[in-house]
Amino acid sequence: MPRHGAPRVPVVERARRRLAAALLGTGALAATLLTVSVTPAAPPAPDREPGAASSDVAQLSID
């Protein structure tokens, strides 16, 4: 008699899904580690303290 419930997934398909999940997890972990470890390319502006909130509105600099 056939079993009721979810259809059986072939072994190859199950392996492909596990590989895809592992690669997705590895990519997410790598992206997180890179985000934490890489420093920004540009230093903060000289007239601002590091970590200060920036404005969305452009302002002219009077030099």
PDB file of N, CA and C in Angstrom:
ATOM      1  N   MET A   1       0.822  -1.180   0.000  1.00  0.00           N
ATOM      2  CA  MET A   1       0.000   0.000   0.000  1.00  0.00           C
ATOM      3  C   MET A   1       0.871   1.251   0.000  1.00  0.00           C
ATOM      4  N   PRO A   2       0.496   2.253  -0.768  1.00  0.00           N
ATOM      5  CA  PRO A   2       1.266   3.494  -0.762  1.00  0.00           C
ATOM      6  C   PRO A   2       1.047   4.259   0.539  1.00  0.00           C
ATOM      7  N   ARG A   3       2.108   4.907   0.972  1.00  0.00           N
ATOM      8  CA  ARG A   3       2.009   5.719   2.196  1.00  0.00           C
ATOM      9  C   ARG A   3       1.388   7.053   1.859  1.00  0.00           C
ATOM     10  N   HIS A   4       0.626   7.563   2.790  1.00  0.00           N
ATOM     11  CA  HIS A   4       0.012   8.870   2.605  1.00  0.00           C
ATOM     12  C   HIS A   4       0.924   9.923   3.208  1.00  0.00           C
ATOM     13  N   GLY A   5       0.818  11.147   2.725  1.00  0.00           N
ATOM     14  CA  GLY A   5       1.636  12.241   3.249  1.00  0.00           C
ATOM     15  C   GLY A   5       2.403  12.893   2.117  1.00  0.00           C
ATOM     16  N   ALA A   6       3.487  13.508   2.475  1.00  0.00           N
ATOM     17  CA  ALA A   6       4.296  14.232   1.485  1.00  0.00           C
ATOM     18  C   ALA A   6       4.969  13.233   0.539  1.00  0.00           C
ATOM     19  N   PRO A   7       5.086  13.607  -0.730  1.00  0.00           N
ATOM     20  CA  PRO A   7       5.789  12.713  -1.662  1.00  0.00           C
ATOM     21  C   PRO A   7       7.277  12.647  -1.317  1.00  0.00           C
ATOM     22  N   ARG A   8       7.874  11.516  -1.615  1.00  0.00           N
ATOM     23  CA  ARG A   8       9.296  11.333  -1.322  1.00  0.00           C
ATOM     24  C   ARG A   8      10.138  12.145  -2.304  1.00  0.00           C
ATOM     25  N   VAL A   9      11.139  12.790  -1.776  1.00  0.00           N
ATOM     26  CA  VAL A   9      12.038  13.589  -2.595  1.00  0.00           C
ATOM     27  C   VAL A   9      13.243  12.724  -2.931  1.00  0.00           C
ATOM     28  N   PRO A  10      13.633  12.665  -4.191  1.00  0.00           N
ATOM     29  CA  PRO A  10      14.801  11.849  -4.562  1.00  0.00           C
ATOM     30  C   PRO A  10      16.060  12.290  -3.815  1.00  0.00           C
ATOM     31  N   VAL A  11      16.974  11.366  -3.648  1.00  0.00           N
ATOM     32  CA  VAL A  11      18.200  11.618  -2.893  1.00  0.00           C
ATOM     33  C   VAL A  11      19.013  12.746  -3.524  1.00  0.00           C
ATOM     34  N   VAL A  12      19.091  12.790  -4.843  1.00  0.00           N
ATOM     35  CA  VAL A  12      19.882  13.820  -5.524  1.00  0.00           C
ATOM     36  C   VAL A  12      19.274  15.198  -5.274  1.00  0.00           C
ATOM     37  N   GLU A  13      17.956  15.287  -5.343  1.00  0.00           N
ATOM     38  CA  GLU A  13      17.289  16.568  -5.107  1.00  0.00           C
ATOM     39  C   GLU A  13      17.495  17.023  -3.664  1.00  0.00           C
ATOM     40  N   ARG A  14      17.440  16.110  -2.727  1.00  0.00           N
ATOM     41  CA  ARG A  14      17.657  16.440  -1.323  1.00  0.00           C
ATOM     42  C   ARG A  14      19.090  16.933  -1.109  1.00  0.00           C
ATOM     43  N   ALA A  15      20.050  16.309  -1.766  1.00  0.00           N
ATOM     44  CA  ALA A  15      21.446  16.731  -1.655  1.00  0.00           C
ATOM     45  C   ALA A  15      21.641  18.129  -2.252  1.00  0.00           C
ATOM     46  N   ARG A  16      20.985  18.391  -3.378  1.00  0.00           N
ATOM     47  CA  ARG A  16      21.076  19.724  -3.991  1.00  0.00           C
ATOM     48  C   ARG A  16      20.497  20.795  -3.077  1.00  0.00           C
ATOM     49  N   ARG A  17      19.385  20.491  -2.423  1.00  0.00           N
ATOM     50  CA  ARG A  17      18.771  21.450  -1.507  1.00  0.00           C
ATOM     51  C   ARG A  17      19.670  21.711  -0.301  1.00  0.00           C
ATOM     52  N   ARG A  18      20.278  20.661   0.226  1.00  0.00           N
ATOM     53  CA  ARG A  18      21.189  20.836   1.362  1.00  0.00           C
ATOM     54  C   ARG A  18      22.405  21.656   0.963  1.00  0.00           C
ATOM     55  N   LEU A  19      22.937  21.398  -0.221  1.00  0.00           N
ATOM     56  CA  LEU A  19      24.081  22.168  -0.705  1.00  0.00           C
ATOM     57  C   LEU A  19      23.709  23.634  -0.887  1.00  0.00           C
ATOM     58  N   ALA A  20      22.539  23.883  -1.461  1.00  0.00           N
ATOM     59  CA  ALA A  20      22.090  25.265  -1.650  1.00  0.00           C
ATOM     60  C   ALA A  20      21.915  25.967  -0.304  1.00  0.00           C
ATOM     61  N   ALA A  21      21.348  25.283   0.670  1.00  0.00           N
ATOM     62  CA  ALA A  21      21.167  25.869   2.005  1.00  0.00           C
ATOM     63  C   ALA A  21      22.523  26.142   2.665  1.00  0.00           C
ATOM     64  N   ALA A  22      23.465  25.225   2.505  1.00  0.00           N
ATOM     65  CA  ALA A  22      24.794  25.411   3.087  1.00  0.00           C
ATOM     66  C   ALA A  22      25.512  26.592   2.434  1.00  0.00           C
ATOM     67  N   LEU A  23      25.413  26.709   1.117  1.00  0.00           N
ATOM     68  CA  LEU A  23      26.052  27.831   0.430  1.00  0.00           C
ATOM     69  C   LEU A  23      25.406  29.158   0.804  1.00  0.00           C
ATOM     70  N   LEU A  24      24.109  29.166   0.958  1.00  0.00           N
ATOM     71  CA  LEU A  24      23.406  30.377   1.370  1.00  0.00           C
ATOM     72  C   LEU A  24      23.846  30.800   2.775  1.00  0.00           C
ATOM     73  N   GLY A  25      23.913  29.857   3.670  1.00  0.00           N
ATOM     74  CA  GLY A  25      24.360  30.155   5.032  1.00  0.00           C
ATOM     75  C   GLY A  25      25.801  30.620   5.072  1.00  0.00           C
ATOM     76  N   THR A  26      26.659  29.992   4.291  1.00  0.00           N
ATOM     77  CA  THR A  26      28.065  30.383   4.229  1.00  0.00           C
ATOM     78  C   THR A  26      28.213  31.783   3.653  1.00  0.00           C
ATOM     79  N   GLY A  27      27.450  32.099   2.627  1.00  0.00           N
ATOM     80  CA  GLY A  27      27.500  33.435   2.037  1.00  0.00           C
ATOM     81  C   GLY A  27      27.022  34.502   3.004  1.00  0.00           C
ATOM     82  N   ALA A  28      25.958  34.204   3.744  1.00  0.00           N
ATOM     83  CA  ALA A  28      25.451  35.165   4.728  1.00  0.00           C
ATOM     84  C   ALA A  28      26.466  35.384   5.841  1.00  0.00           C
ATOM     85  N   LEU A  29      27.104  34.330   6.301  1.00  0.00           N
ATOM     86  CA  LEU A  29      28.121  34.453   7.335  1.00  0.00           C
ATOM     87  C   LEU A  29      29.317  35.245   6.831  1.00  0.00           C
ATOM     88  N   ALA A  30      29.753  34.979   5.609  1.00  0.00           N
ATOM     89  CA  ALA A  30      30.886  35.718   5.032  1.00  0.00           C
ATOM     90  C   ALA A  30      30.553  37.198   4.877  1.00  0.00           C
ATOM     91  N   ALA A  31      29.350  37.507   4.435  1.00  0.00           N
ATOM     92  CA  ALA A  31      28.945  38.905   4.288  1.00  0.00           C
ATOM     93  C   ALA A  31      28.914  39.607   5.638  1.00  0.00           C
ATOM     94  N   THR A  32      28.442  38.924   6.660  1.00  0.00           N
ATOM     95  CA  THR A  32      28.407  39.504   8.002  1.00  0.00           C
ATOM     96  C   THR A  32      29.814  39.767   8.515  1.00  0.00           C
ATOM     97  N   LEU A  33      30.702  38.802   8.348  1.00  0.00           N
ATOM     98  CA  LEU A  33      32.078  38.977   8.821  1.00  0.00           C
ATOM     99  C   LEU A  33      32.790  40.094   8.071  1.00  0.00           C
ATOM    100  N   LEU A  34      32.561  40.202   6.774  1.00  0.00           N
ATOM    101  CA  LEU A  34      33.182  41.287   6.004  1.00  0.00           C
ATOM    102  C   LEU A  34      32.641  42.644   6.433  1.00  0.00           C
ATOM    103  N   THR A  35      31.357  42.713   6.697  1.00  0.00           N
ATOM    104  CA  THR A  35      30.760  43.978   7.124  1.00  0.00           C
ATOM    105  C   THR A  35      31.348  44.424   8.457  1.00  0.00           C
ATOM    106  N   VAL A  36      31.591  43.494   9.348  1.00  0.00           N
ATOM    107  CA  VAL A  36      32.125  43.824  10.663  1.00  0.00           C
ATOM    108  C   VAL A  36      33.599  44.181  10.587  1.00  0.00           C
ATOM    109  N   SER A  37      34.359  43.518   9.741  1.00  0.00           N
ATOM    110  CA  SER A  37      35.809  43.678   9.761  1.00  0.00           C
ATOM    111  C   SER A  37      36.353  44.766   8.841  1.00  0.00           C
ATOM    112  N   VAL A  38      35.620  45.150   7.809  1.00  0.00           N
ATOM    113  CA  VAL A  38      36.132  46.125   6.849  1.00  0.00           C
ATOM    114  C   VAL A  38      35.860  47.533   7.359  1.00  0.00           C
ATOM    115  N   THR A  39      36.881  48.380   7.325  1.00  0.00           N
ATOM    116  CA  THR A  39      36.711  49.765   7.745  1.00  0.00           C
ATOM    117  C   THR A  39      36.284  50.601   6.548  1.00  0.00           C
ATOM    118  N   PRO A  40      35.563  51.692   6.789  1.00  0.00           N
ATOM    119  CA  PRO A  40      35.130  52.527   5.672  1.00  0.00           C
ATOM    120  C   PRO A  40      36.329  53.122   4.922  1.00  0.00           C
ATOM    121  N   ALA A  41      36.159  53.367   3.653  1.00  0.00           N
ATOM    122  CA  ALA A  41      37.250  53.880   2.829  1.00  0.00           C
ATOM    123  C   ALA A  41      37.550  55.343   3.125  1.00  0.00           C
ATOM    124  N   ALA A  42      36.533  56.107   3.422  1.00  0.00           N
ATOM    125  CA  ALA A  42      36.734  57.541   3.627  1.00  0.00           C
ATOM    126  C   ALA A  42      36.707  57.861   5.119  1.00  0.00           C
ATOM    127  N   PRO A  43      37.602  58.735   5.571  1.00  0.00           N
ATOM    128  CA  PRO A  43      37.568  59.148   6.975  1.00  0.00           C
ATOM    129  C   PRO A  43      36.386  60.092   7.205  1.00  0.00           C
ATOM    130  N   PRO A  44      36.003  60.298   8.451  1.00  0.00           N
ATOM    131  CA  PRO A  44      34.903  61.233   8.705  1.00  0.00           C
ATOM    132  C   PRO A  44      35.302  62.654   8.334  1.00  0.00           C
ATOM    133  N   ALA A  45      34.324  63.463   8.035  1.00  0.00           N
ATOM    134  CA  ALA A  45      34.587  64.865   7.681  1.00  0.00           C
ATOM    135  C   ALA A  45      35.272  65.564   8.851  1.00  0.00           C
ATOM    136  N   PRO A  46      36.197  66.489   8.558  1.00  0.00           N
ATOM    137  CA  PRO A  46      36.950  67.127   9.640  1.00  0.00           C
ATOM    138  C   PRO A  46      36.090  67.988  10.558  1.00  0.00           C
ATOM    139  N   ASP A  47      34.943  68.454  10.094  1.00  0.00           N
ATOM    140  CA  ASP A  47      34.109  69.300  10.939  1.00  0.00           C
ATOM    141  C   ASP A  47      33.060  68.504  11.719  1.00  0.00           C
ATOM    142  N   ARG A  48      33.138  67.183  11.691  1.00  0.00           N
ATOM    143  CA  ARG A  48      32.185  66.349  12.411  1.00  0.00           C
ATOM    144  C   ARG A  48      32.924  65.368  13.298  1.00  0.00           C
ATOM    145  N   GLU A  49      32.272  65.034  14.394  1.00  0.00           N
ATOM    146  CA  GLU A  49      32.829  64.014  15.263  1.00  0.00           C
ATOM    147  C   GLU A  49      32.537  62.648  14.648  1.00  0.00           C
ATOM    148  N   PRO A  50      33.435  61.692  14.814  1.00  0.00           N
ATOM    149  CA  PRO A  50      33.168  60.357  14.279  1.00  0.00           C
ATOM    150  C   PRO A  50      31.899  59.776  14.904  1.00  0.00           C
ATOM    151  N   GLY A  51      31.072  59.196  14.076  1.00  0.00           N
ATOM    152  CA  GLY A  51      29.845  58.576  14.545  1.00  0.00           C
ATOM    153  C   GLY A  51      28.678  59.532  14.661  1.00  0.00           C
ATOM    154  N   ALA A  52      28.884  60.803  14.328  1.00  0.00           N
ATOM    155  CA  ALA A  52      27.788  61.768  14.414  1.00  0.00           C
ATOM    156  C   ALA A  52      26.779  61.502  13.302  1.00  0.00           C
ATOM    157  N   ALA A  53      25.536  61.793  13.593  1.00  0.00           N
ATOM    158  CA  ALA A  53      24.488  61.596  12.595  1.00  0.00           C
ATOM    159  C   ALA A  53      24.682  62.576  11.447  1.00  0.00           C
ATOM    160  N   SER A  54      24.421  62.106  10.250  1.00  0.00           N
ATOM    161  CA  SER A  54      24.572  62.970   9.090  1.00  0.00           C
ATOM    162  C   SER A  54      23.201  63.452   8.626  1.00  0.00           C
ATOM    163  N   SER A  55      23.207  64.488   7.848  1.00  0.00           N
ATOM    164  CA  SER A  55      21.974  65.073   7.348  1.00  0.00           C
ATOM    165  C   SER A  55      21.691  64.539   5.950  1.00  0.00           C
ATOM    166  N   ASP A  56      20.416  64.475   5.607  1.00  0.00           N
ATOM    167  CA  ASP A  56      20.030  64.067   4.256  1.00  0.00           C
ATOM    168  C   ASP A  56      20.069  65.260   3.297  1.00  0.00           C
ATOM    169  N   VAL A  57      20.205  66.466   3.841  1.00  0.00           N
ATOM    170  CA  VAL A  57      20.184  67.675   3.031  1.00  0.00           C
ATOM    171  C   VAL A  57      21.620  68.130   2.797  1.00  0.00           C
ATOM    172  N   ALA A  58      21.948  68.400   1.542  1.00  0.00           N
ATOM    173  CA  ALA A  58      23.287  68.870   1.214  1.00  0.00           C
ATOM    174  C   ALA A  58      23.462  70.303   1.700  1.00  0.00           C
ATOM    175  N   GLN A  59      24.646  70.599   2.213  1.00  0.00           N
ATOM    176  CA  GLN A  59      24.925  71.951   2.681  1.00  0.00           C
ATOM    177  C   GLN A  59      26.187  72.453   1.995  1.00  0.00           C
ATOM    178  N   LEU A  60      26.211  73.716   1.665  1.00  0.00           N
ATOM    179  CA  LEU A  60      27.377  74.316   1.053  1.00  0.00           C
ATOM    180  C   LEU A  60      28.444  74.566   2.112  1.00  0.00           C
ATOM    181  N   SER A  61      29.659  74.352   1.731  1.00  0.00           N
ATOM    182  CA  SER A  61      30.772  74.602   2.634  1.00  0.00           C
ATOM    183  C   SER A  61      31.306  75.994   2.355  1.00  0.00           C
ATOM    184  N   ILE A  62      31.460  76.799   3.391  1.00  0.00           N
ATOM    185  CA  ILE A  62      32.005  78.152   3.229  1.00  0.00           C
ATOM    186  C   ILE A  62      33.456  78.122   3.692  1.00  0.00           C
ATOM    187  N   ASP A  63      34.354  78.194   2.741  1.00  0.00           N
ATOM    188  CA  ASP A  63      35.788  78.144   3.068  1.00  0.00           C
ATOM    189  C   ASP A  63      36.438  79.491   2.901  1.00  0.00           C
TER     190      ASP A  63
END
